[in-house]
């Protein structure tokens, strides 16, 4: 398993970026629109927060490759693996060990649908395109299908399940479009939401990204939800005297989970 799971190949992205820069015309910088990707200043702050949290999370990985205590370890490890995959160039050992552990440990039969979805998403995101990845995808789907969320499951769970299916090469099975307008209007009316931990913010950001093409409107006007979310998370992040930074309360397992969600939100922005 360790051989078939490798790190993200960044060289192609670097080559493409270099080619784009060489051929890009010089012109005026466009005015940033509300809700558009983060401007350079906030992006730099967010990237610094990601580096600190990634280092903190990697430093708390167990020797066996997992995170946290026994209860909920599969989901926490899946979240941590997915959060660190975007920084795989800096944390390649942590990503590889987490992938091997997660591949060997399926959720218990009573685990919720989102645990199976997170595991599938994390493992397939860490695995390169290959025949081995295709086989892994089929096996993970076979393990997850009996635990698919029911039609009345929360929208956040059904959206996550759809993400897992798409990543595995299948069509989404959980309809959520009929509920999208009301949910988006509710988020817009209450925006920005009070945030104490990153996980509730992830639900909102995930909904906006998947169901509104990244646009959150209130009375027809776009809200700058990306900048609001980034600033809130940057302000909430706490430095650890031992190194790095984290989100979440004093409980160790919850702090690991919330730090992973904080990273996932910043990656989404």
C-alpha atoms as a PDB file:
ATOM      1  CA  UNK A   1       0.000   0.000   0.000  1.00  0.00           C
ATOM      2  CA  UNK A   2       2.829   2.377   0.848  1.00  0.00           C
ATOM      3  CA  UNK A   3       4.178   1.882  -2.687  1.00  0.00           C
ATOM      4  CA  UNK A   4       0.919   2.550  -4.461  1.00  0.00           C
ATOM      5  CA  UNK A   5       0.069   5.662  -2.453  1.00  0.00           C
ATOM      6  CA  UNK A   6       2.417   8.519  -3.292  1.00  0.00           C
ATOM      7  CA  UNK A   7       2.480  12.252  -2.857  1.00  0.00           C
ATOM      8  CA  UNK A   8       0.948  14.850  -5.133  1.00  0.00           C
ATOM      9  CA  UNK A   9       3.141  15.572  -8.139  1.00  0.00           C
ATOM     10  CA  UNK A  10       3.812  19.305  -7.971  1.00  0.00           C
ATOM     11  CA  UNK A  11       6.263  19.514 -10.865  1.00  0.00           C
ATOM     12  CA  UNK A  12       3.544  19.574 -13.531  1.00  0.00           C
ATOM     13  CA  UNK A  13       1.744  22.389 -11.721  1.00  0.00           C
ATOM     14  CA  UNK A  14       4.975  24.358 -11.474  1.00  0.00           C
ATOM     15  CA  UNK A  15       5.706  23.886 -15.187  1.00  0.00           C
ATOM     16  CA  UNK A  16       2.199  25.015 -16.114  1.00  0.00           C
ATOM     17  CA  UNK A  17       2.462  28.035 -13.823  1.00  0.00           C
ATOM     18  CA  UNK A  18       5.824  29.005 -15.289  1.00  0.00           C
ATOM     19  CA  UNK A  19       4.525  28.694 -18.836  1.00  0.00           C
ATOM     20  CA  UNK A  20       1.474  30.766 -17.981  1.00  0.00           C
ATOM     21  CA  UNK A  21       3.649  33.495 -16.489  1.00  0.00           C
ATOM     22  CA  UNK A  22       5.918  33.592 -19.531  1.00  0.00           C
ATOM     23  CA  UNK A  23       3.020  33.976 -21.907  1.00  0.00           C
ATOM     24  CA  UNK A  24       0.814  36.218 -19.783  1.00  0.00           C
ATOM     25  CA  UNK A  25       0.230  39.729 -21.122  1.00  0.00           C
ATOM     26  CA  UNK A  26       1.124  42.660 -18.906  1.00  0.00           C
ATOM     27  CA  UNK A  27      -1.880  44.764 -18.036  1.00  0.00           C
ATOM     28  CA  UNK A  28      -3.815  46.529 -15.316  1.00  0.00           C
ATOM     29  CA  UNK A  29      -4.769  44.537 -12.263  1.00  0.00           C
ATOM     30  CA  UNK A  30      -8.545  43.992 -12.323  1.00  0.00           C
ATOM     31  CA  UNK A  31     -10.655  45.208  -9.425  1.00  0.00           C
ATOM     32  CA  UNK A  32     -11.463  42.321  -7.130  1.00  0.00           C
ATOM     33  CA  UNK A  33     -15.173  41.529  -6.878  1.00  0.00           C
ATOM     34  CA  UNK A  34     -16.879  40.531  -3.631  1.00  0.00           C
ATOM     35  CA  UNK A  35     -16.773  36.785  -3.194  1.00  0.00           C
ATOM     36  CA  UNK A  36     -13.895  36.342  -5.653  1.00  0.00           C
ATOM     37  CA  UNK A  37     -10.739  34.456  -4.650  1.00  0.00           C
ATOM     38  CA  UNK A  38      -8.778  36.118  -1.862  1.00  0.00           C
ATOM     39  CA  UNK A  39      -6.626  39.114  -2.662  1.00  0.00           C
ATOM     40  CA  UNK A  40      -2.862  38.789  -2.269  1.00  0.00           C
ATOM     41  CA  UNK A  41      -2.630  40.200   1.253  1.00  0.00           C
ATOM     42  CA  UNK A  42      -5.308  37.979   2.774  1.00  0.00           C
ATOM     43  CA  UNK A  43      -4.084  35.006   0.730  1.00  0.00           C
ATOM     44  CA  UNK A  44      -0.613  35.411   2.206  1.00  0.00           C
ATOM     45  CA  UNK A  45      -2.028  35.545   5.734  1.00  0.00           C
ATOM     46  CA  UNK A  46      -4.194  32.506   5.039  1.00  0.00           C
ATOM     47  CA  UNK A  47      -1.239  30.590   3.611  1.00  0.00           C
ATOM     48  CA  UNK A  48       0.775  31.386   6.747  1.00  0.00           C
ATOM     49  CA  UNK A  49      -2.099  30.132   8.918  1.00  0.00           C
ATOM     50  CA  UNK A  50      -2.198  26.949   6.811  1.00  0.00           C
ATOM     51  CA  UNK A  51       1.548  26.404   7.258  1.00  0.00           C
ATOM     52  CA  UNK A  52       1.298  26.825  11.032  1.00  0.00           C
ATOM     53  CA  UNK A  53      -1.727  24.540  11.382  1.00  0.00           C
ATOM     54  CA  UNK A  54      -0.280  21.904   9.048  1.00  0.00           C
ATOM     55  CA  UNK A  55       2.911  21.765  11.106  1.00  0.00           C
ATOM     56  CA  UNK A  56       0.908  21.514  14.334  1.00  0.00           C
ATOM     57  CA  UNK A  57      -1.292  18.737  12.952  1.00  0.00           C
ATOM     58  CA  UNK A  58       1.600  16.714  11.542  1.00  0.00           C
ATOM     59  CA  UNK A  59       3.431  16.940  14.876  1.00  0.00           C
ATOM     60  CA  UNK A  60       0.474  15.277  16.637  1.00  0.00           C
ATOM     61  CA  UNK A  61       0.289  12.225  14.420  1.00  0.00           C
ATOM     62  CA  UNK A  62       0.677   8.930  16.262  1.00  0.00           C
ATOM     63  CA  UNK A  63       3.513   6.550  15.461  1.00  0.00           C
ATOM     64  CA  UNK A  64       1.071   4.203  13.716  1.00  0.00           C
ATOM     65  CA  UNK A  65      -0.044   6.979  11.333  1.00  0.00           C
ATOM     66  CA  UNK A  66      -3.407   7.839  12.918  1.00  0.00           C
ATOM     67  CA  UNK A  67      -4.571  10.787  15.015  1.00  0.00           C
ATOM     68  CA  UNK A  68      -6.280  10.840  18.390  1.00  0.00           C
ATOM     69  CA  UNK A  69      -7.631   8.247  20.755  1.00  0.00           C
ATOM     70  CA  UNK A  70      -9.622   5.164  19.800  1.00  0.00           C
ATOM     71  CA  UNK A  71     -13.123   6.632  19.467  1.00  0.00           C
ATOM     72  CA  UNK A  72     -13.565   8.393  16.125  1.00  0.00           C
ATOM     73  CA  UNK A  73      -9.994   7.757  15.019  1.00  0.00           C
ATOM     74  CA  UNK A  74     -10.929   6.817  11.437  1.00  0.00           C
ATOM     75  CA  UNK A  75     -12.757  10.077  10.773  1.00  0.00           C
ATOM     76  CA  UNK A  76     -10.107  12.224  12.491  1.00  0.00           C
ATOM     77  CA  UNK A  77      -7.348  10.528  10.513  1.00  0.00           C
ATOM     78  CA  UNK A  78      -9.265  10.984   7.262  1.00  0.00           C
ATOM     79  CA  UNK A  79      -9.789  14.684   7.991  1.00  0.00           C
ATOM     80  CA  UNK A  80      -6.145  15.174   8.963  1.00  0.00           C
ATOM     81  CA  UNK A  81      -4.907  13.288   5.900  1.00  0.00           C
ATOM     82  CA  UNK A  82      -7.084  15.345   3.573  1.00  0.00           C
ATOM     83  CA  UNK A  83      -6.045  18.589   5.279  1.00  0.00           C
ATOM     84  CA  UNK A  84      -2.339  17.739   4.952  1.00  0.00           C
ATOM     85  CA  UNK A  85      -2.514  16.477   1.362  1.00  0.00           C
ATOM     86  CA  UNK A  86      -2.415  20.077   0.088  1.00  0.00           C
ATOM     87  CA  UNK A  87       0.923  20.464   1.901  1.00  0.00           C
ATOM     88  CA  UNK A  88       2.196  17.008   0.945  1.00  0.00           C
ATOM     89  CA  UNK A  89       5.465  18.517  -0.288  1.00  0.00           C
ATOM     90  CA  UNK A  90       6.232  19.537   3.304  1.00  0.00           C
ATOM     91  CA  UNK A  91       4.582  16.652   5.144  1.00  0.00           C
ATOM     92  CA  UNK A  92       5.094  13.726   2.800  1.00  0.00           C
ATOM     93  CA  UNK A  93       5.932  11.250   5.569  1.00  0.00           C
ATOM     94  CA  UNK A  94       2.837  12.153   7.593  1.00  0.00           C
ATOM     95  CA  UNK A  95       0.612  11.853   4.508  1.00  0.00           C
ATOM     96  CA  UNK A  96       2.078   8.487   3.500  1.00  0.00           C
ATOM     97  CA  UNK A  97       1.773   6.978   6.992  1.00  0.00           C
ATOM     98  CA  UNK A  98      -1.766   8.288   7.398  1.00  0.00           C
ATOM     99  CA  UNK A  99      -2.825   6.839   4.038  1.00  0.00           C
ATOM    100  CA  UNK A 100      -1.422   3.420   4.899  1.00  0.00           C
ATOM    101  CA  UNK A 101      -3.163   3.402   8.291  1.00  0.00           C
ATOM    102  CA  UNK A 102      -6.473   4.620   6.881  1.00  0.00           C
ATOM    103  CA  UNK A 103      -6.417   2.058   4.086  1.00  0.00           C
ATOM    104  CA  UNK A 104      -6.051  -0.704   6.678  1.00  0.00           C
ATOM    105  CA  UNK A 105      -8.775   0.528   9.023  1.00  0.00           C
ATOM    106  CA  UNK A 106     -12.379   0.647   7.843  1.00  0.00           C
ATOM    107  CA  UNK A 107     -14.979   2.427   9.988  1.00  0.00           C
ATOM    108  CA  UNK A 108     -17.043   0.276  12.312  1.00  0.00           C
ATOM    109  CA  UNK A 109     -20.437  -0.861  11.038  1.00  0.00           C
ATOM    110  CA  UNK A 110     -22.237   1.704  13.202  1.00  0.00           C
ATOM    111  CA  UNK A 111     -20.140   4.638  11.954  1.00  0.00           C
ATOM    112  CA  UNK A 112     -22.119   7.457  10.296  1.00  0.00           C
ATOM    113  CA  UNK A 113     -22.191   7.948   6.522  1.00  0.00           C
ATOM    114  CA  UNK A 114     -19.865  10.943   6.707  1.00  0.00           C
ATOM    115  CA  UNK A 115     -17.074   8.822   8.203  1.00  0.00           C
ATOM    116  CA  UNK A 116     -17.162   6.519   5.175  1.00  0.00           C
ATOM    117  CA  UNK A 117     -17.307   9.526   2.858  1.00  0.00           C
ATOM    118  CA  UNK A 118     -14.356  11.287   4.498  1.00  0.00           C
ATOM    119  CA  UNK A 119     -12.282   8.093   4.355  1.00  0.00           C
ATOM    120  CA  UNK A 120     -12.993   7.616   0.646  1.00  0.00           C
ATOM    121  CA  UNK A 121     -12.277  11.270  -0.183  1.00  0.00           C
ATOM    122  CA  UNK A 122      -9.050  11.367   1.827  1.00  0.00           C
ATOM    123  CA  UNK A 123      -7.602   8.152   0.406  1.00  0.00           C
ATOM    124  CA  UNK A 124      -8.471   8.919  -3.206  1.00  0.00           C
ATOM    125  CA  UNK A 125      -7.158  12.480  -2.866  1.00  0.00           C
ATOM    126  CA  UNK A 126      -3.818  11.106  -1.657  1.00  0.00           C
ATOM    127  CA  UNK A 127      -3.549   8.433  -4.363  1.00  0.00           C
ATOM    128  CA  UNK A 128      -2.255   9.226  -7.865  1.00  0.00           C
ATOM    129  CA  UNK A 129      -4.156   8.203 -10.997  1.00  0.00           C
ATOM    130  CA  UNK A 130      -3.224   4.584 -11.714  1.00  0.00           C
ATOM    131  CA  UNK A 131      -4.795   1.104 -12.003  1.00  0.00           C
ATOM    132  CA  UNK A 132      -4.114   0.714  -8.282  1.00  0.00           C
ATOM    133  CA  UNK A 133      -6.169   3.851  -7.577  1.00  0.00           C
ATOM    134  CA  UNK A 134      -9.047   2.481  -9.637  1.00  0.00           C
ATOM    135  CA  UNK A 135      -9.000  -0.736  -7.619  1.00  0.00           C
ATOM    136  CA  UNK A 136      -8.835   1.268  -4.390  1.00  0.00           C
ATOM    137  CA  UNK A 137     -11.811   3.347  -5.523  1.00  0.00           C
ATOM    138  CA  UNK A 138     -13.929   0.254  -6.221  1.00  0.00           C
ATOM    139  CA  UNK A 139     -13.087  -1.288  -2.863  1.00  0.00           C
ATOM    140  CA  UNK A 140     -13.827   1.873  -0.913  1.00  0.00           C
ATOM    141  CA  UNK A 141     -17.149   2.283  -2.719  1.00  0.00           C
ATOM    142  CA  UNK A 142     -18.111  -1.300  -1.937  1.00  0.00           C
ATOM    143  CA  UNK A 143     -17.345  -0.685   1.727  1.00  0.00           C
ATOM    144  CA  UNK A 144     -19.216   2.612   1.811  1.00  0.00           C
ATOM    145  CA  UNK A 145     -22.395   1.854  -0.178  1.00  0.00           C
ATOM    146  CA  UNK A 146     -24.266   0.070   2.630  1.00  0.00           C
ATOM    147  CA  UNK A 147     -23.820   3.221   4.725  1.00  0.00           C
ATOM    148  CA  UNK A 148     -25.166   5.770   2.231  1.00  0.00           C
ATOM    149  CA  UNK A 149     -27.144   8.562   3.927  1.00  0.00           C
ATOM    150  CA  UNK A 150     -30.938   8.438   3.636  1.00  0.00           C
ATOM    151  CA  UNK A 151     -32.787  11.059   1.556  1.00  0.00           C
ATOM    152  CA  UNK A 152     -33.727  12.976   4.719  1.00  0.00           C
ATOM    153  CA  UNK A 153     -30.158  13.209   6.021  1.00  0.00           C
ATOM    154  CA  UNK A 154     -28.782  16.729   6.591  1.00  0.00           C
ATOM    155  CA  UNK A 155     -27.807  18.513   3.406  1.00  0.00           C
ATOM    156  CA  UNK A 156     -24.182  18.746   4.572  1.00  0.00           C
ATOM    157  CA  UNK A 157     -23.995  14.947   4.781  1.00  0.00           C
ATOM    158  CA  UNK A 158     -25.593  14.422   1.373  1.00  0.00           C
ATOM    159  CA  UNK A 159     -23.265  16.991  -0.210  1.00  0.00           C
ATOM    160  CA  UNK A 160     -20.256  15.229   1.267  1.00  0.00           C
ATOM    161  CA  UNK A 161     -21.532  11.881  -0.011  1.00  0.00           C
ATOM    162  CA  UNK A 162     -21.906  13.376  -3.487  1.00  0.00           C
ATOM    163  CA  UNK A 163     -18.303  14.603  -3.304  1.00  0.00           C
ATOM    164  CA  UNK A 164     -17.173  11.072  -2.485  1.00  0.00           C
ATOM    165  CA  UNK A 165     -19.140   9.580  -5.378  1.00  0.00           C
ATOM    166  CA  UNK A 166     -17.777  12.122  -7.879  1.00  0.00           C
ATOM    167  CA  UNK A 167     -14.217  11.511  -6.757  1.00  0.00           C
ATOM    168  CA  UNK A 168     -14.778   7.781  -7.221  1.00  0.00           C
ATOM    169  CA  UNK A 169     -16.045   8.393 -10.761  1.00  0.00           C
ATOM    170  CA  UNK A 170     -19.758   7.898 -10.107  1.00  0.00           C
ATOM    171  CA  UNK A 171     -22.747  10.176 -10.569  1.00  0.00           C
ATOM    172  CA  UNK A 172     -24.105  11.910  -7.457  1.00  0.00           C
ATOM    173  CA  UNK A 173     -26.963  10.001  -5.885  1.00  0.00           C
ATOM    174  CA  UNK A 174     -28.179  12.450  -3.254  1.00  0.00           C
ATOM    175  CA  UNK A 175     -30.450  15.206  -4.579  1.00  0.00           C
ATOM    176  CA  UNK A 176     -30.029  18.527  -2.760  1.00  0.00           C
ATOM    177  CA  UNK A 177     -30.758  21.138  -5.431  1.00  0.00           C
ATOM    178  CA  UNK A 178     -34.379  21.640  -4.419  1.00  0.00           C
ATOM    179  CA  UNK A 179     -33.257  22.739  -0.941  1.00  0.00           C
ATOM    180  CA  UNK A 180     -30.365  24.881  -2.099  1.00  0.00           C
ATOM    181  CA  UNK A 181     -32.126  28.273  -2.594  1.00  0.00           C
ATOM    182  CA  UNK A 182     -33.651  28.309   0.885  1.00  0.00           C
ATOM    183  CA  UNK A 183     -30.408  27.230   2.540  1.00  0.00           C
ATOM    184  CA  UNK A 184     -28.353  29.803   0.660  1.00  0.00           C
ATOM    185  CA  UNK A 185     -30.843  32.549   1.492  1.00  0.00           C
ATOM    186  CA  UNK A 186     -30.650  31.555   5.156  1.00  0.00           C
ATOM    187  CA  UNK A 187     -26.851  31.726   5.129  1.00  0.00           C
ATOM    188  CA  UNK A 188     -26.900  35.066   3.318  1.00  0.00           C
ATOM    189  CA  UNK A 189     -29.384  36.595   5.768  1.00  0.00           C
ATOM    190  CA  UNK A 190     -27.237  35.589   8.758  1.00  0.00           C
ATOM    191  CA  UNK A 191     -23.852  36.295   7.176  1.00  0.00           C
ATOM    192  CA  UNK A 192     -21.298  36.542   8.686  1.00  0.00           C
ATOM    193  CA  UNK A 193     -22.185  33.770  11.120  1.00  0.00           C
ATOM    194  CA  UNK A 194     -20.858  33.720  14.685  1.00  0.00           C
ATOM    195  CA  UNK A 195     -17.879  31.362  14.587  1.00  0.00           C
ATOM    196  CA  UNK A 196     -16.242  29.687  17.567  1.00  0.00           C
ATOM    197  CA  UNK A 197     -14.895  26.610  15.773  1.00  0.00           C
ATOM    198  CA  UNK A 198     -14.131  25.897  12.102  1.00  0.00           C
ATOM    199  CA  UNK A 199     -16.405  22.871  11.583  1.00  0.00           C
ATOM    200  CA  UNK A 200     -19.702  24.842  11.359  1.00  0.00           C
ATOM    201  CA  UNK A 201     -18.006  27.278   8.981  1.00  0.00           C
ATOM    202  CA  UNK A 202     -16.942  24.347   6.810  1.00  0.00           C
ATOM    203  CA  UNK A 203     -20.601  23.363   6.341  1.00  0.00           C
ATOM    204  CA  UNK A 204     -21.451  26.887   5.120  1.00  0.00           C
ATOM    205  CA  UNK A 205     -18.401  27.223   2.863  1.00  0.00           C
ATOM    206  CA  UNK A 206     -18.962  23.758   1.406  1.00  0.00           C
ATOM    207  CA  UNK A 207     -22.597  24.587   0.647  1.00  0.00           C
ATOM    208  CA  UNK A 208     -21.712  27.884  -1.061  1.00  0.00           C
ATOM    209  CA  UNK A 209     -18.942  26.297  -3.108  1.00  0.00           C
ATOM    210  CA  UNK A 210     -20.967  23.312  -4.286  1.00  0.00           C
ATOM    211  CA  UNK A 211     -24.463  24.731  -4.739  1.00  0.00           C
ATOM    212  CA  UNK A 212     -23.926  28.403  -5.607  1.00  0.00           C
ATOM    213  CA  UNK A 213     -20.762  28.336  -7.753  1.00  0.00           C
ATOM    214  CA  UNK A 214     -19.007  30.322  -5.045  1.00  0.00           C
ATOM    215  CA  UNK A 215     -21.504  33.223  -5.011  1.00  0.00           C
ATOM    216  CA  UNK A 216     -23.460  34.178  -1.892  1.00  0.00           C
ATOM    217  CA  UNK A 217     -26.018  36.913  -2.566  1.00  0.00           C
ATOM    218  CA  UNK A 218     -28.097  39.035  -0.208  1.00  0.00           C
ATOM    219  CA  UNK A 219     -30.769  41.123  -1.919  1.00  0.00           C
ATOM    220  CA  UNK A 220     -28.956  40.540  -5.182  1.00  0.00           C
ATOM    221  CA  UNK A 221     -25.629  41.861  -3.881  1.00  0.00           C
ATOM    222  CA  UNK A 222     -22.618  39.519  -3.563  1.00  0.00           C
ATOM    223  CA  UNK A 223     -21.206  39.020  -0.075  1.00  0.00           C
ATOM    224  CA  UNK A 224     -17.465  38.752   0.419  1.00  0.00           C
ATOM    225  CA  UNK A 225     -17.778  35.437   2.232  1.00  0.00           C
ATOM    226  CA  UNK A 226     -14.275  34.244   1.299  1.00  0.00           C
ATOM    227  CA  UNK A 227     -12.530  37.210   2.909  1.00  0.00           C
ATOM    228  CA  UNK A 228     -14.873  37.111   5.920  1.00  0.00           C
ATOM    229  CA  UNK A 229     -14.169  33.408   6.440  1.00  0.00           C
ATOM    230  CA  UNK A 230     -10.398  33.766   6.040  1.00  0.00           C
ATOM    231  CA  UNK A 231     -10.165  36.705   8.438  1.00  0.00           C
ATOM    232  CA  UNK A 232     -12.311  34.969  11.034  1.00  0.00           C
ATOM    233  CA  UNK A 233     -10.195  31.825  10.941  1.00  0.00           C
ATOM    234  CA  UNK A 234      -6.933  33.762  11.038  1.00  0.00           C
ATOM    235  CA  UNK A 235      -8.159  35.660  14.116  1.00  0.00           C
ATOM    236  CA  UNK A 236      -9.384  32.478  15.819  1.00  0.00           C
ATOM    237  CA  UNK A 237      -6.145  30.562  15.332  1.00  0.00           C
ATOM    238  CA  UNK A 238      -4.094  30.076  18.494  1.00  0.00           C
ATOM    239  CA  UNK A 239      -0.315  29.747  18.615  1.00  0.00           C
ATOM    240  CA  UNK A 240       1.098  26.733  20.411  1.00  0.00           C
ATOM    241  CA  UNK A 241       4.234  27.482  22.491  1.00  0.00           C
ATOM    242  CA  UNK A 242       5.561  24.093  21.375  1.00  0.00           C
ATOM    243  CA  UNK A 243       5.262  25.091  17.711  1.00  0.00           C
ATOM    244  CA  UNK A 244       2.613  25.657  15.073  1.00  0.00           C
ATOM    245  CA  UNK A 245      -0.953  26.801  15.649  1.00  0.00           C
ATOM    246  CA  UNK A 246      -4.362  25.225  15.997  1.00  0.00           C
ATOM    247  CA  UNK A 247      -8.100  25.760  16.274  1.00  0.00           C
ATOM    248  CA  UNK A 248     -10.492  24.292  18.798  1.00  0.00           C
ATOM    249  CA  UNK A 249     -10.985  23.810  22.545  1.00  0.00           C
ATOM    250  CA  UNK A 250      -8.740  22.193  25.135  1.00  0.00           C
ATOM    251  CA  UNK A 251      -9.844  18.626  24.390  1.00  0.00           C
ATOM    252  CA  UNK A 252      -7.073  17.019  22.335  1.00  0.00           C
ATOM    253  CA  UNK A 253      -9.205  14.983  19.933  1.00  0.00           C
ATOM    254  CA  UNK A 254     -11.604  17.850  19.300  1.00  0.00           C
ATOM    255  CA  UNK A 255      -8.694  20.215  18.713  1.00  0.00           C
ATOM    256  CA  UNK A 256      -7.273  17.840  16.095  1.00  0.00           C
ATOM    257  CA  UNK A 257     -10.652  17.665  14.359  1.00  0.00           C
ATOM    258  CA  UNK A 258     -11.223  21.430  14.414  1.00  0.00           C
ATOM    259  CA  UNK A 259      -7.702  22.154  13.183  1.00  0.00           C
ATOM    260  CA  UNK A 260      -8.265  19.803  10.248  1.00  0.00           C
ATOM    261  CA  UNK A 261     -11.547  21.577   9.446  1.00  0.00           C
ATOM    262  CA  UNK A 262      -9.834  24.967   9.692  1.00  0.00           C
ATOM    263  CA  UNK A 263      -7.320  23.821   7.104  1.00  0.00           C
ATOM    264  CA  UNK A 264     -10.052  22.438   4.844  1.00  0.00           C
ATOM    265  CA  UNK A 265     -11.916  25.772   4.924  1.00  0.00           C
ATOM    266  CA  UNK A 266      -8.781  27.756   4.036  1.00  0.00           C
ATOM    267  CA  UNK A 267      -7.975  25.309   1.224  1.00  0.00           C
ATOM    268  CA  UNK A 268     -11.517  25.808  -0.109  1.00  0.00           C
ATOM    269  CA  UNK A 269     -11.121  29.583  -0.247  1.00  0.00           C
END
